[in-house]
Amino acid sequence: CSITQEELIAKSTHVLQQNTVTASSNGRVSFRTRKLSGIAEIYRFTNWEARDCVFTVSSALTEGNLKLYFYSDGKILCDVPVGQTVTVTLPGVEGPCALRAAGESAAFSVEVRPGK
């Protein structure tokens, strides 16, 4: 079973998870799971005015398939490379946004840190 483009951009998501832990501190979010199938929102934020947002995203995949991407209002803003630490700039975003994980039997960890 694979995830379709329509599912990636849907407003509501469906996910099955096993042994999942999410922690947050000082704006930083850490997420790890032994198994995820479906689409989960890992990090959510809202910009009340259009401005650039910068994030540092670190991820590691140990099993399965994984796609990380920033999402807003039915659109994929950008894909985030898996298995690396990257700085992502979202230019001029406004309104609710999220970092989503789309997985197929995926075991992985992600850390998200907002920048300045």
N, C-alpha and C. Protein backbone atom coordinates (compact mmCIF):
# COMPACT_ATOMS: atom_id res chain seq x y z
N CYS A 1 0.85 -1.18 0.00
CA CYS A 1 0.00 0.00 0.00
C CYS A 1 0.89 1.24 0.00
N SER A 2 0.66 2.15 -0.92
CA SER A 2 1.48 3.36 -0.97
C SER A 2 0.61 4.58 -0.71
N ILE A 3 1.26 5.66 -0.31
CA ILE A 3 0.56 6.90 0.01
C ILE A 3 0.43 7.72 -1.27
N THR A 4 -0.76 8.22 -1.53
CA THR A 4 -1.02 8.99 -2.76
C THR A 4 -0.75 10.47 -2.54
N GLN A 5 -0.62 11.20 -3.64
CA GLN A 5 -0.44 12.66 -3.58
C GLN A 5 -1.64 13.31 -2.89
N GLU A 6 -2.83 12.80 -3.14
CA GLU A 6 -4.03 13.36 -2.51
C GLU A 6 -3.97 13.21 -0.99
N GLU A 7 -3.46 12.07 -0.51
CA GLU A 7 -3.32 11.86 0.93
C GLU A 7 -2.27 12.79 1.53
N LEU A 8 -1.19 13.05 0.80
CA LEU A 8 -0.13 13.94 1.30
C LEU A 8 -0.64 15.35 1.55
N ILE A 9 -1.58 15.82 0.72
CA ILE A 9 -2.04 17.20 0.84
C ILE A 9 -3.42 17.34 1.51
N ALA A 10 -3.98 16.23 1.98
CA ALA A 10 -5.29 16.27 2.64
C ALA A 10 -5.20 17.04 3.96
N LYS A 11 -6.29 17.72 4.31
CA LYS A 11 -6.31 18.49 5.56
C LYS A 11 -6.26 17.58 6.79
N SER A 12 -6.94 16.43 6.72
CA SER A 12 -6.89 15.50 7.84
C SER A 12 -6.01 14.31 7.45
N THR A 13 -5.33 13.77 8.44
CA THR A 13 -4.39 12.68 8.18
C THR A 13 -4.79 11.43 8.95
N HIS A 14 -4.30 10.28 8.50
CA HIS A 14 -4.54 9.01 9.17
C HIS A 14 -3.20 8.34 9.39
N VAL A 15 -3.00 7.79 10.59
CA VAL A 15 -1.71 7.20 10.90
C VAL A 15 -1.87 6.07 11.90
N LEU A 16 -1.03 5.04 11.76
CA LEU A 16 -0.88 3.99 12.76
C LEU A 16 0.55 4.07 13.27
N GLN A 17 0.70 4.12 14.61
CA GLN A 17 2.03 4.28 15.20
C GLN A 17 2.23 3.25 16.31
N GLN A 18 3.49 2.84 16.48
CA GLN A 18 3.86 1.96 17.59
C GLN A 18 5.07 2.57 18.29
N ASN A 19 5.03 2.57 19.63
CA ASN A 19 6.15 3.05 20.44
C ASN A 19 6.63 4.41 19.98
N THR A 20 5.74 5.38 19.99
CA THR A 20 6.05 6.73 19.55
C THR A 20 6.20 7.66 20.75
N VAL A 21 7.25 8.49 20.70
CA VAL A 21 7.50 9.46 21.77
C VAL A 21 7.71 10.83 21.14
N THR A 22 7.00 11.82 21.66
CA THR A 22 7.19 13.21 21.24
C THR A 22 7.53 14.03 22.47
N ALA A 23 8.56 14.87 22.36
CA ALA A 23 8.96 15.74 23.47
C ALA A 23 9.22 17.13 22.91
N SER A 24 8.92 18.15 23.71
CA SER A 24 9.22 19.51 23.28
C SER A 24 9.82 20.31 24.43
N SER A 25 10.73 21.20 24.06
CA SER A 25 11.40 22.05 25.04
C SER A 25 11.96 23.27 24.33
N ASN A 26 11.60 24.46 24.81
CA ASN A 26 12.10 25.72 24.25
C ASN A 26 11.88 25.81 22.74
N GLY A 27 10.72 25.38 22.26
CA GLY A 27 10.40 25.46 20.84
C GLY A 27 10.90 24.30 20.02
N ARG A 28 11.80 23.49 20.57
CA ARG A 28 12.36 22.34 19.85
C ARG A 28 11.44 21.13 20.07
N VAL A 29 11.21 20.36 19.02
CA VAL A 29 10.39 19.16 19.11
C VAL A 29 11.21 17.96 18.67
N SER A 30 11.19 16.91 19.49
CA SER A 30 11.83 15.64 19.15
C SER A 30 10.73 14.59 19.02
N PHE A 31 10.82 13.79 17.97
CA PHE A 31 9.82 12.77 17.67
C PHE A 31 10.57 11.50 17.28
N ARG A 32 10.15 10.38 17.84
CA ARG A 32 10.73 9.10 17.40
C ARG A 32 9.66 8.02 17.49
N THR A 33 9.77 7.07 16.57
CA THR A 33 8.79 5.98 16.53
C THR A 33 9.46 4.71 16.03
N ARG A 34 8.97 3.59 16.52
CA ARG A 34 9.47 2.29 16.03
C ARG A 34 8.78 1.87 14.75
N LYS A 35 7.54 2.35 14.58
CA LYS A 35 6.82 2.01 13.35
C LYS A 35 5.71 3.02 13.12
N LEU A 36 5.71 3.59 11.91
CA LEU A 36 4.68 4.54 11.53
C LEU A 36 4.26 4.21 10.11
N SER A 37 2.95 4.09 9.91
CA SER A 37 2.38 3.92 8.58
C SER A 37 1.25 4.92 8.44
N GLY A 38 1.34 5.75 7.42
CA GLY A 38 0.38 6.82 7.21
C GLY A 38 1.06 8.16 7.29
N ILE A 39 0.29 9.19 7.66
CA ILE A 39 0.82 10.55 7.70
C ILE A 39 0.57 11.15 9.09
N ALA A 40 1.65 11.66 9.69
CA ALA A 40 1.56 12.28 11.02
C ALA A 40 2.10 13.70 10.95
N GLU A 41 1.49 14.59 11.72
CA GLU A 41 2.02 15.95 11.87
C GLU A 41 2.97 15.94 13.05
N ILE A 42 4.22 16.28 12.79
CA ILE A 42 5.26 16.24 13.82
C ILE A 42 5.42 17.58 14.51
N TYR A 43 5.28 18.66 13.75
CA TYR A 43 5.51 20.00 14.28
C TYR A 43 4.50 20.93 13.63
N ARG A 44 3.79 21.70 14.45
CA ARG A 44 2.79 22.66 13.94
C ARG A 44 3.14 24.06 14.40
N PHE A 45 2.86 25.02 13.53
CA PHE A 45 3.05 26.42 13.90
C PHE A 45 2.12 27.28 13.07
N THR A 46 1.88 28.50 13.53
CA THR A 46 1.03 29.45 12.80
C THR A 46 1.76 30.77 12.69
N ASN A 47 1.82 31.29 11.48
CA ASN A 47 2.34 32.64 11.23
C ASN A 47 1.14 33.56 11.07
N TRP A 48 1.07 34.59 11.87
CA TRP A 48 -0.06 35.50 11.79
C TRP A 48 0.14 36.56 10.72
N GLU A 49 1.38 36.73 10.25
CA GLU A 49 1.65 37.63 9.14
C GLU A 49 2.67 36.95 8.23
N ALA A 50 2.60 37.27 6.95
CA ALA A 50 3.50 36.62 5.99
C ALA A 50 4.95 37.02 6.28
N ARG A 51 5.76 36.03 6.59
CA ARG A 51 7.19 36.26 6.81
C ARG A 51 7.92 34.95 6.60
N ASP A 52 9.24 35.06 6.43
CA ASP A 52 10.06 33.87 6.25
C ASP A 52 10.20 33.12 7.57
N CYS A 53 10.18 31.81 7.51
CA CYS A 53 10.40 30.96 8.68
C CYS A 53 11.58 30.05 8.38
N VAL A 54 12.46 29.90 9.38
CA VAL A 54 13.65 29.08 9.22
C VAL A 54 13.64 27.99 10.28
N PHE A 55 13.95 26.76 9.87
CA PHE A 55 13.99 25.62 10.79
C PHE A 55 15.23 24.79 10.51
N THR A 56 15.75 24.17 11.55
CA THR A 56 16.77 23.15 11.40
C THR A 56 16.08 21.82 11.68
N VAL A 57 16.18 20.91 10.73
CA VAL A 57 15.53 19.60 10.84
C VAL A 57 16.60 18.52 10.73
N SER A 58 16.65 17.66 11.75
CA SER A 58 17.56 16.51 11.76
C SER A 58 16.72 15.25 11.76
N SER A 59 17.09 14.27 10.94
CA SER A 59 16.31 13.04 10.91
C SER A 59 17.21 11.84 10.66
N ALA A 60 16.73 10.69 11.11
CA ALA A 60 17.41 9.41 10.88
C ALA A 60 16.35 8.35 10.64
N LEU A 61 16.50 7.59 9.57
CA LEU A 61 15.58 6.51 9.22
C LEU A 61 16.31 5.19 9.40
N THR A 62 15.71 4.28 10.19
CA THR A 62 16.36 2.99 10.42
C THR A 62 15.64 1.84 9.72
N GLU A 63 14.39 2.08 9.28
CA GLU A 63 13.63 1.02 8.63
C GLU A 63 12.46 1.61 7.87
N GLY A 64 12.10 1.00 6.75
CA GLY A 64 10.91 1.40 6.00
C GLY A 64 11.16 2.57 5.07
N ASN A 65 10.07 3.23 4.69
CA ASN A 65 10.11 4.38 3.77
C ASN A 65 9.56 5.61 4.48
N LEU A 66 10.17 6.76 4.19
CA LEU A 66 9.77 8.00 4.87
C LEU A 66 9.92 9.18 3.94
N LYS A 67 8.92 10.06 4.00
CA LYS A 67 8.97 11.36 3.33
C LYS A 67 8.65 12.41 4.37
N LEU A 68 9.51 13.42 4.51
CA LEU A 68 9.27 14.56 5.39
C LEU A 68 8.99 15.78 4.52
N TYR A 69 7.99 16.57 4.92
CA TYR A 69 7.67 17.76 4.12
C TYR A 69 6.92 18.78 4.97
N PHE A 70 7.10 20.06 4.62
CA PHE A 70 6.31 21.13 5.23
C PHE A 70 5.06 21.33 4.40
N TYR A 71 3.93 21.51 5.10
CA TYR A 71 2.60 21.53 4.49
C TYR A 71 1.84 22.76 4.99
N SER A 72 1.05 23.36 4.10
CA SER A 72 0.15 24.43 4.51
C SER A 72 -0.99 24.54 3.50
N ASP A 73 -2.19 24.60 3.99
CA ASP A 73 -3.37 24.91 3.19
C ASP A 73 -3.48 24.09 1.90
N GLY A 74 -3.34 22.77 2.05
CA GLY A 74 -3.50 21.90 0.90
C GLY A 74 -2.33 21.86 -0.06
N LYS A 75 -1.17 22.39 0.37
CA LYS A 75 0.00 22.43 -0.51
C LYS A 75 1.23 21.92 0.22
N ILE A 76 2.11 21.26 -0.51
CA ILE A 76 3.43 20.91 0.01
C ILE A 76 4.33 22.11 -0.26
N LEU A 77 4.84 22.70 0.83
CA LEU A 77 5.71 23.88 0.70
C LEU A 77 7.11 23.47 0.26
N CYS A 78 7.62 22.39 0.84
CA CYS A 78 8.93 21.85 0.42
C CYS A 78 9.14 20.49 1.06
N ASP A 79 9.94 19.68 0.38
CA ASP A 79 10.37 18.39 0.92
C ASP A 79 11.60 18.62 1.78
N VAL A 80 11.76 17.77 2.79
CA VAL A 80 12.92 17.83 3.68
C VAL A 80 13.72 16.54 3.50
N PRO A 81 15.00 16.64 3.16
CA PRO A 81 15.81 15.42 2.99
C PRO A 81 15.85 14.59 4.27
N VAL A 82 15.78 13.28 4.11
CA VAL A 82 15.80 12.34 5.24
C VAL A 82 17.23 11.85 5.46
N GLY A 83 17.60 11.67 6.74
CA GLY A 83 18.91 11.13 7.07
C GLY A 83 20.00 12.19 7.14
N GLN A 84 19.60 13.44 7.29
CA GLN A 84 20.54 14.56 7.32
C GLN A 84 20.09 15.60 8.33
N THR A 85 20.96 16.56 8.58
CA THR A 85 20.59 17.78 9.30
C THR A 85 20.61 18.90 8.27
N VAL A 86 19.46 19.55 8.09
CA VAL A 86 19.34 20.60 7.07
C VAL A 86 18.67 21.83 7.66
N THR A 87 18.97 22.98 7.08
CA THR A 87 18.28 24.21 7.41
C THR A 87 17.28 24.48 6.29
N VAL A 88 16.03 24.69 6.68
CA VAL A 88 14.95 24.88 5.72
C VAL A 88 14.38 26.28 5.91
N THR A 89 14.27 27.05 4.82
CA THR A 89 13.65 28.37 4.86
C THR A 89 12.34 28.30 4.09
N LEU A 90 11.26 28.70 4.75
CA LEU A 90 9.95 28.77 4.12
C LEU A 90 9.66 30.24 3.88
N PRO A 91 9.75 30.71 2.64
CA PRO A 91 9.60 32.14 2.37
C PRO A 91 8.14 32.61 2.41
N GLY A 92 7.88 33.66 3.16
CA GLY A 92 6.60 34.34 3.17
C GLY A 92 5.39 33.52 3.53
N VAL A 93 5.53 32.56 4.44
CA VAL A 93 4.38 31.73 4.79
C VAL A 93 3.46 32.46 5.76
N GLU A 94 2.17 32.19 5.64
CA GLU A 94 1.18 32.80 6.53
C GLU A 94 0.11 31.77 6.85
N GLY A 95 -0.36 31.78 8.10
CA GLY A 95 -1.39 30.86 8.51
C GLY A 95 -0.81 29.59 9.12
N PRO A 96 -1.67 28.57 9.32
CA PRO A 96 -1.21 27.33 9.93
C PRO A 96 -0.33 26.52 8.97
N CYS A 97 0.74 25.96 9.51
CA CYS A 97 1.70 25.14 8.75
C CYS A 97 2.10 23.95 9.62
N ALA A 98 2.66 22.93 8.98
CA ALA A 98 3.10 21.75 9.73
C ALA A 98 4.24 21.05 9.01
N LEU A 99 5.10 20.41 9.81
CA LEU A 99 6.04 19.45 9.28
C LEU A 99 5.35 18.10 9.40
N ARG A 100 5.20 17.41 8.26
CA ARG A 100 4.53 16.12 8.25
C ARG A 100 5.52 15.01 7.90
N ALA A 101 5.21 13.82 8.40
CA ALA A 101 5.96 12.62 8.06
C ALA A 101 4.99 11.65 7.41
N ALA A 102 5.34 11.19 6.21
CA ALA A 102 4.56 10.17 5.52
C ALA A 102 5.41 8.91 5.51
N GLY A 103 4.93 7.87 6.17
CA GLY A 103 5.75 6.67 6.31
C GLY A 103 5.03 5.41 5.92
N GLU A 104 5.84 4.43 5.50
CA GLU A 104 5.36 3.08 5.23
C GLU A 104 6.24 2.15 6.06
N SER A 105 5.70 1.66 7.17
CA SER A 105 6.45 0.82 8.12
C SER A 105 7.78 1.47 8.49
N ALA A 106 7.74 2.77 8.76
CA ALA A 106 8.96 3.54 8.99
C ALA A 106 9.33 3.60 10.47
N ALA A 107 10.59 3.32 10.77
CA ALA A 107 11.17 3.54 12.09
C ALA A 107 12.15 4.69 11.92
N PHE A 108 11.93 5.78 12.67
CA PHE A 108 12.75 6.97 12.45
C PHE A 108 12.70 7.92 13.64
N SER A 109 13.57 8.91 13.60
CA SER A 109 13.56 9.99 14.58
C SER A 109 13.73 11.31 13.83
N VAL A 110 13.12 12.36 14.39
CA VAL A 110 13.20 13.70 13.81
C VAL A 110 13.32 14.70 14.95
N GLU A 111 14.15 15.71 14.75
CA GLU A 111 14.21 16.85 15.67
C GLU A 111 14.05 18.11 14.85
N VAL A 112 13.18 19.01 15.31
CA VAL A 112 12.90 20.27 14.63
C VAL A 112 13.21 21.42 15.58
N ARG A 113 14.03 22.37 15.10
CA ARG A 113 14.35 23.56 15.90
C ARG A 113 14.05 24.80 15.08
N PRO A 114 13.20 25.69 15.59
CA PRO A 114 12.95 26.92 14.84
C PRO A 114 14.19 27.82 14.89
N GLY A 115 14.43 28.52 13.79
CA GLY A 115 15.55 29.46 13.73
C GLY A 115 15.06 30.87 13.97
N LYS A 116 15.88 31.81 13.57
CA LYS A 116 15.53 33.23 13.76
C LYS A 116 15.10 33.83 12.47
